[in-house]
Amino acid sequence: MVTTEGVAPSDRLPYFREAILREGEPVDVYGDRSESFSGRIALGRLGALTIAQMVSSSTARRGLHRSAEMIRRSDPGLYHVVLYEEGSTVLTCDERRTEPRPGDISLLDSSRCYEGWHESGAARYLRLQVPRMLLPVPPAVTAGLIGARLSGRTGIGALLWNVATQSAGSLSGYTPSDAIRISTILVDLVAALIAHEMESPAALPTESGRQVLYLQVQAFIQQRLGEPDLTPAMIAEAHHVSVRTLHRLFESNGCTVAKWIQTRRLDRCRHDLADPALVDRPIHAIAARWGFTVQPHFSRAFQSAYGISPSEYRRASSRSEFLYRR
């Protein structure tokens, strides 16, 4: 963590500038050295990725610039995936000028000149530093997207946004193995977003495509857990793949489609059974809400999963005694 808090007002901008220069990729930071400037950078590692959360505030214009001379001095070979969380930004990259807004995503390249600035007020963004060699997308494909405004509100962009922001907020809780797995997912999502924006499915490697499809299917299932007709056939049709391909997708991740659906449904039922606001709702109604239309089947599945019947679990939860066993 680097912060200007406690730094003399006239020294805040130079202090902030030096902190960014120490990141290893020369970037010039400029702005008003008045008392209004403040800044904070939080850096963390996630496998081979670096995650940086940057916050700044000023009543005057401030920004950063990477010039051709700086690129000649040092080029670490990075892509920057920037998620704009607060404030208005103006971004120029080569001849392209855009104005990203909160909810937008930009892709930058350490080998290309860029400049980004804020006129006034507060600004906050999250930046993923991705080694270029890790992104399984040819540079010729990414070239057309460098500096463009990409949406983080829908589709693949929203999925990338959610995983990136949640990961950034939980860095201290990951083991080294967790970090590697999550960084792999993030790289795959960046590749998927690029392929989607370029409308070039061929640009997406097979393994990345499978992982993104798996995440999309999981999200689709989560949204429809209460539908009794949530079957592998329906899921496969919605994603334009065969049922056999769908089964193989889940098997490669150590599960079956039916088991994954049942586990998610049971977890939702367990949550509702422990909710004091739903104490008067019959157990069979809770089960039906989450797709269990046959009460005996639900009871057997719940007992098998948690080692306790639904009614016993509800009573135990009301006494704050969580007795179920996994």
Protein backbone atom coordinates (compact mmCIF):
# COMPACT_ATOMS: atom_id res chain seq x y z
CA MET A 1 0.00 0.00 0.00
CA VAL A 2 1.28 3.46 -0.96
CA THR A 3 -0.68 6.48 0.21
CA THR A 4 -0.14 10.23 0.31
CA GLU A 5 -1.78 10.36 3.72
CA GLY A 6 0.67 11.98 6.11
CA VAL A 7 2.75 13.46 3.27
CA ALA A 8 3.15 17.24 3.09
CA PRO A 9 0.65 18.68 0.55
CA SER A 10 3.34 20.05 -1.78
CA ASP A 11 5.11 16.68 -1.82
CA ARG A 12 2.10 14.45 -2.45
CA LEU A 13 2.22 14.41 -6.24
CA PRO A 14 6.01 13.80 -6.46
CA TYR A 15 5.67 11.06 -3.84
CA PHE A 16 2.84 9.44 -5.80
CA ARG A 17 4.82 9.74 -9.03
CA GLU A 18 7.86 8.00 -7.55
CA ALA A 19 5.67 5.19 -6.21
CA ILE A 20 4.29 4.48 -9.69
CA LEU A 21 7.76 4.63 -11.26
CA ARG A 22 8.91 1.92 -8.86
CA GLU A 23 6.35 -0.49 -10.33
CA GLY A 24 8.86 -1.37 -13.06
CA GLU A 25 7.14 0.18 -16.09
CA PRO A 26 8.20 3.83 -16.54
CA VAL A 27 5.16 6.10 -16.56
CA ASP A 28 5.17 9.85 -16.04
CA VAL A 29 2.58 11.20 -13.59
CA TYR A 30 1.61 14.84 -13.78
CA GLY A 31 -0.87 17.18 -12.14
CA ASP A 32 -1.39 20.08 -9.79
CA ARG A 33 0.91 20.07 -6.75
CA SER A 34 -1.64 21.95 -4.68
CA GLU A 35 -3.08 20.76 -1.38
CA SER A 36 -6.09 19.27 -3.15
CA PHE A 37 -4.21 16.23 -4.52
CA SER A 38 -4.34 12.88 -2.74
CA GLY A 39 -3.65 9.36 -3.96
CA ARG A 40 -3.45 5.74 -2.91
CA ILE A 41 -2.18 2.59 -4.63
CA ALA A 42 -2.73 -0.93 -3.32
CA LEU A 43 -0.65 -3.60 -5.09
CA GLY A 44 -0.98 -7.36 -4.78
CA ARG A 45 0.13 -10.51 -6.58
CA LEU A 46 -2.21 -13.19 -7.86
CA GLY A 47 -0.15 -15.96 -9.37
CA ALA A 48 1.64 -14.46 -12.37
CA LEU A 49 -0.65 -11.41 -12.37
CA THR A 50 -0.33 -8.13 -10.52
CA ILE A 51 -3.47 -6.38 -9.31
CA ALA A 52 -3.35 -2.66 -8.59
CA GLN A 53 -6.15 -0.58 -7.10
CA MET A 54 -5.53 3.13 -7.70
CA VAL A 55 -7.50 5.98 -6.14
CA SER A 56 -6.82 9.70 -6.61
CA SER A 57 -8.58 12.97 -6.00
CA SER A 58 -7.83 16.56 -7.01
CA THR A 59 -9.57 19.77 -7.94
CA ALA A 60 -7.31 20.02 -10.99
CA ARG A 61 -6.36 17.86 -13.94
CA ARG A 62 -3.95 14.97 -13.31
CA GLY A 63 -2.93 11.93 -15.29
CA LEU A 64 -0.22 9.56 -16.42
CA HIS A 65 1.66 9.20 -19.70
CA ARG A 66 3.80 6.45 -21.24
CA SER A 67 5.96 7.80 -24.03
CA ALA A 68 8.03 6.18 -26.77
CA GLU A 69 11.20 7.11 -24.87
CA MET A 70 9.89 5.31 -21.78
CA ILE A 71 9.07 2.24 -23.84
CA ARG A 72 12.65 2.19 -25.18
CA ARG A 73 13.94 2.49 -21.63
CA SER A 74 11.96 -0.47 -20.33
CA ASP A 75 9.21 -2.70 -21.71
CA PRO A 76 8.15 -5.55 -19.39
CA GLY A 77 5.83 -7.01 -22.03
CA LEU A 78 2.53 -6.50 -20.24
CA TYR A 79 -1.10 -6.06 -21.07
CA HIS A 80 -3.01 -3.79 -18.68
CA VAL A 81 -6.68 -4.61 -18.23
CA VAL A 82 -8.20 -1.50 -16.65
CA LEU A 83 -11.58 -1.57 -14.91
CA TYR A 84 -12.96 1.95 -14.35
CA GLU A 85 -14.86 2.10 -11.07
CA GLU A 86 -15.33 5.83 -10.41
CA GLY A 87 -14.78 9.15 -12.14
CA SER A 88 -14.52 10.40 -15.73
CA THR A 89 -11.41 9.53 -17.71
CA VAL A 90 -9.95 10.57 -21.06
CA LEU A 91 -7.68 7.97 -22.65
CA THR A 92 -5.49 8.27 -25.72
CA CYS A 93 -3.61 5.34 -27.22
CA ASP A 94 -1.67 6.03 -30.41
CA GLU A 95 -4.30 7.81 -32.54
CA ARG A 96 -7.34 6.54 -30.63
CA ARG A 97 -9.11 8.74 -28.07
CA THR A 98 -11.86 7.40 -25.83
CA GLU A 99 -13.64 8.51 -22.67
CA PRO A 100 -14.18 5.45 -20.45
CA ARG A 101 -16.86 5.70 -17.78
CA PRO A 102 -17.51 3.65 -14.65
CA GLY A 103 -18.32 0.11 -15.74
CA ASP A 104 -16.04 0.25 -18.80
CA ILE A 105 -12.90 -1.80 -19.41
CA SER A 106 -9.81 -0.85 -21.41
CA LEU A 107 -6.96 -2.97 -22.72
CA LEU A 108 -3.51 -1.30 -22.86
CA ASP A 109 -0.13 -2.58 -24.03
CA SER A 110 3.18 -1.64 -22.37
CA SER A 111 4.74 -1.62 -25.87
CA ARG A 112 2.47 1.16 -27.07
CA CYS A 113 2.20 4.81 -26.03
CA TYR A 114 -0.80 5.84 -23.99
CA GLU A 115 -2.02 8.67 -21.79
CA GLY A 116 -4.94 8.81 -19.38
CA TRP A 117 -6.14 11.77 -17.35
CA HIS A 118 -8.93 13.05 -15.12
CA GLU A 119 -10.02 16.67 -15.16
CA SER A 120 -11.07 16.92 -11.49
CA GLY A 121 -12.80 15.08 -8.69
CA ALA A 122 -12.26 11.52 -7.48
CA ALA A 123 -11.19 8.63 -9.69
CA ARG A 124 -10.79 4.95 -8.90
CA TYR A 125 -9.86 2.03 -11.11
CA LEU A 126 -8.58 -1.52 -10.87
CA ARG A 127 -5.75 -2.66 -13.11
CA LEU A 128 -4.70 -6.21 -13.94
CA GLN A 129 -1.15 -6.59 -15.24
CA VAL A 130 -1.06 -9.66 -17.48
CA PRO A 131 2.27 -10.86 -18.94
CA ARG A 132 1.79 -10.85 -22.69
CA MET A 133 3.16 -14.38 -23.03
CA LEU A 134 0.35 -15.71 -20.80
CA LEU A 135 -2.54 -14.36 -22.85
CA PRO A 136 -3.35 -17.06 -25.41
CA VAL A 137 -4.43 -14.57 -28.07
CA PRO A 138 -2.20 -13.47 -30.98
CA PRO A 139 -1.04 -9.80 -30.77
CA ALA A 140 -2.58 -9.24 -34.19
CA VAL A 141 -5.98 -9.94 -32.63
CA THR A 142 -5.54 -7.67 -29.62
CA ALA A 143 -4.13 -4.78 -31.69
CA GLY A 144 -7.55 -3.58 -32.79
CA LEU A 145 -8.80 -3.35 -29.21
CA ILE A 146 -5.94 -1.48 -27.54
CA GLY A 147 -7.39 1.68 -26.01
CA ALA A 148 -11.00 0.89 -27.00
CA ARG A 149 -13.98 1.11 -24.63
CA LEU A 150 -15.16 -2.37 -23.68
CA SER A 151 -18.21 -2.99 -21.56
CA GLY A 152 -17.91 -4.54 -18.11
CA ARG A 153 -21.67 -4.48 -17.57
CA THR A 154 -22.90 -7.40 -19.64
CA GLY A 155 -21.82 -10.79 -20.95
CA ILE A 156 -18.16 -11.80 -20.75
CA GLY A 157 -17.16 -8.31 -19.66
CA ALA A 158 -19.44 -8.49 -16.61
CA LEU A 159 -18.11 -11.94 -15.75
CA LEU A 160 -14.52 -10.65 -15.94
CA TRP A 161 -15.46 -7.58 -13.88
CA ASN A 162 -17.04 -9.66 -11.11
CA VAL A 163 -14.20 -12.18 -10.85
CA ALA A 164 -11.51 -9.46 -10.95
CA THR A 165 -13.07 -7.19 -8.34
CA GLN A 166 -13.93 -10.06 -5.99
CA SER A 167 -10.42 -11.49 -6.36
CA ALA A 168 -8.84 -8.10 -5.64
CA GLY A 169 -10.83 -7.81 -2.42
CA SER A 170 -9.77 -11.22 -1.11
CA LEU A 171 -6.07 -11.52 -1.99
CA SER A 172 -4.93 -12.23 1.56
CA GLY A 173 -7.26 -15.22 1.82
CA TYR A 174 -5.83 -17.22 -1.10
CA THR A 175 -3.23 -19.95 -0.87
CA PRO A 176 -0.53 -19.99 -3.58
CA SER A 177 -2.45 -22.79 -5.34
CA ASP A 178 -5.68 -20.77 -5.16
CA ALA A 179 -3.89 -17.76 -6.66
CA ILE A 180 -2.65 -19.79 -9.62
CA ARG A 181 -6.11 -21.19 -10.33
CA ILE A 182 -7.83 -17.81 -10.08
CA SER A 183 -5.20 -16.06 -12.20
CA THR A 184 -5.71 -18.72 -14.87
CA ILE A 185 -9.45 -18.05 -14.86
CA LEU A 186 -8.84 -14.31 -15.17
CA VAL A 187 -6.48 -14.77 -18.12
CA ASP A 188 -9.05 -17.03 -19.80
CA LEU A 189 -11.77 -14.42 -19.28
CA VAL A 190 -9.60 -11.67 -20.76
CA ALA A 191 -9.00 -13.91 -23.79
CA ALA A 192 -12.73 -14.61 -24.05
CA LEU A 193 -13.58 -10.89 -23.90
CA ILE A 194 -11.10 -10.15 -26.68
CA ALA A 195 -12.49 -12.94 -28.84
CA HIS A 196 -16.05 -11.75 -28.20
CA GLU A 197 -15.25 -8.13 -29.07
CA MET A 198 -13.42 -9.12 -32.23
CA GLU A 199 -16.20 -11.58 -33.16
CA SER A 200 -13.49 -14.12 -33.83
CA PRO A 201 -14.21 -17.44 -32.09
CA ALA A 202 -11.19 -18.91 -33.80
CA ALA A 203 -9.00 -16.55 -31.78
CA LEU A 204 -10.02 -18.32 -28.57
CA PRO A 205 -7.92 -21.39 -27.75
CA THR A 206 -9.81 -24.61 -27.07
CA GLU A 207 -8.91 -24.86 -23.37
CA SER A 208 -9.82 -21.22 -22.71
CA GLY A 209 -13.08 -21.71 -24.58
CA ARG A 210 -14.00 -24.70 -22.45
CA GLN A 211 -13.30 -22.87 -19.20
CA VAL A 212 -15.34 -19.83 -20.23
CA LEU A 213 -18.20 -22.07 -21.39
CA TYR A 214 -18.12 -23.86 -18.04
CA LEU A 215 -18.46 -20.54 -16.17
CA GLN A 216 -21.26 -19.43 -18.47
CA VAL A 217 -23.16 -22.68 -17.93
CA GLN A 218 -22.74 -22.40 -14.17
CA ALA A 219 -24.17 -18.86 -14.21
CA PHE A 220 -27.06 -20.04 -16.42
CA ILE A 221 -27.89 -22.85 -13.98
CA GLN A 222 -27.70 -20.57 -10.93
CA GLN A 223 -30.28 -18.26 -12.48
CA ARG A 224 -32.71 -21.14 -13.16
CA LEU A 225 -32.36 -23.41 -10.14
CA GLY A 226 -36.06 -23.11 -9.38
CA GLU A 227 -37.13 -24.42 -12.77
CA PRO A 228 -38.09 -28.13 -12.59
CA ASP A 229 -37.29 -28.60 -16.29
CA LEU A 230 -33.64 -27.59 -15.82
CA THR A 231 -32.18 -30.62 -17.59
CA PRO A 232 -28.89 -31.29 -19.38
CA ALA A 233 -30.75 -31.26 -22.68
CA MET A 234 -32.21 -27.81 -22.02
CA ILE A 235 -28.87 -26.43 -20.83
CA ALA A 236 -27.02 -27.85 -23.82
CA GLU A 237 -29.55 -26.41 -26.27
CA ALA A 238 -29.33 -22.97 -24.65
CA HIS A 239 -25.55 -22.99 -25.16
CA HIS A 240 -25.57 -24.52 -28.66
CA VAL A 241 -23.60 -27.63 -27.68
CA SER A 242 -24.49 -31.31 -27.58
CA VAL A 243 -25.54 -33.03 -24.36
CA ARG A 244 -22.47 -35.20 -24.66
CA THR A 245 -20.22 -32.13 -24.84
CA LEU A 246 -21.96 -30.68 -21.77
CA HIS A 247 -21.38 -33.85 -19.76
CA ARG A 248 -17.73 -33.95 -20.78
CA LEU A 249 -17.35 -30.29 -19.75
CA PHE A 250 -18.48 -31.04 -16.19
CA GLU A 251 -16.63 -34.34 -15.98
CA SER A 252 -13.37 -32.56 -16.82
CA ASN A 253 -14.04 -30.39 -13.76
CA GLY A 254 -14.65 -33.40 -11.49
CA CYS A 255 -18.44 -33.37 -11.35
CA THR A 256 -21.60 -34.27 -13.24
CA VAL A 257 -24.25 -31.88 -14.47
CA ALA A 258 -26.96 -33.43 -12.30
CA LYS A 259 -24.79 -33.47 -9.19
CA TRP A 260 -23.77 -29.84 -9.63
CA ILE A 261 -27.42 -28.75 -10.03
CA GLN A 262 -28.52 -30.78 -7.00
CA THR A 263 -25.71 -29.41 -4.82
CA ARG A 264 -26.63 -25.82 -5.68
CA ARG A 265 -30.33 -26.49 -5.06
CA LEU A 266 -29.66 -28.12 -1.71
CA ASP A 267 -27.52 -25.20 -0.65
CA ARG A 268 -30.33 -22.76 -1.46
CA CYS A 269 -32.80 -24.91 0.48
CA ARG A 270 -30.44 -25.06 3.44
CA HIS A 271 -30.15 -21.28 3.41
CA ASP A 272 -33.95 -20.84 3.36
CA LEU A 273 -34.50 -23.39 6.12
CA ALA A 274 -32.19 -21.39 8.39
CA ASP A 275 -33.80 -18.04 7.51
CA PRO A 276 -35.97 -16.78 10.42
CA ALA A 277 -38.08 -14.79 7.95
CA LEU A 278 -39.19 -18.06 6.31
CA VAL A 279 -39.95 -20.00 9.48
CA ASP A 280 -43.65 -20.29 8.60
CA ARG A 281 -43.03 -21.51 5.05
CA PRO A 282 -43.58 -25.29 4.75
CA ILE A 283 -40.53 -27.38 3.98
CA HIS A 284 -42.13 -28.80 0.85
CA ALA A 285 -42.72 -25.24 -0.43
CA ILE A 286 -39.06 -24.37 0.08
CA ALA A 287 -38.03 -27.54 -1.71
CA ALA A 288 -40.39 -26.81 -4.61
CA ARG A 289 -39.09 -23.25 -4.86
CA TRP A 290 -35.65 -24.66 -5.71
CA GLY A 291 -36.76 -27.35 -8.14
CA PHE A 292 -37.42 -30.35 -5.87
CA THR A 293 -40.90 -31.43 -6.91
CA VAL A 294 -40.86 -34.79 -5.07
CA GLN A 295 -40.66 -34.37 -1.30
CA PRO A 296 -39.22 -37.83 -0.45
CA HIS A 297 -36.44 -37.32 -3.00
CA PHE A 298 -35.60 -33.95 -1.46
CA SER A 299 -35.51 -35.36 2.08
CA ARG A 300 -33.21 -38.23 1.07
CA ALA A 301 -30.88 -35.92 -0.84
CA PHE A 302 -30.72 -33.42 2.05
CA GLN A 303 -30.05 -36.18 4.61
CA SER A 304 -27.31 -37.63 2.41
CA ALA A 305 -25.63 -34.26 1.88
CA TYR A 306 -25.77 -32.88 5.43
CA GLY A 307 -26.32 -35.90 7.70
CA ILE A 308 -29.54 -34.46 9.11
CA SER A 309 -33.14 -34.22 7.89
CA PRO A 310 -34.58 -30.90 6.66
CA SER A 311 -36.93 -30.60 9.66
CA GLU A 312 -34.12 -31.36 12.12
CA TYR A 313 -31.88 -28.85 10.40
CA ARG A 314 -34.55 -26.15 10.66
CA ARG A 315 -35.01 -26.81 14.39
CA ALA A 316 -31.26 -26.82 15.00
CA SER A 317 -30.83 -23.58 13.06
CA SER A 318 -33.52 -21.87 15.13
CA ARG A 319 -31.44 -22.70 18.22
CA SER A 320 -28.27 -21.50 16.43
CA GLU A 321 -26.93 -25.05 16.54
CA PHE A 322 -25.52 -25.87 13.12
CA LEU A 323 -25.31 -29.64 13.53
CA TYR A 324 -25.21 -30.79 9.93
CA ARG A 325 -22.20 -32.71 8.72
CA ARG A 326 -20.72 -32.42 5.23
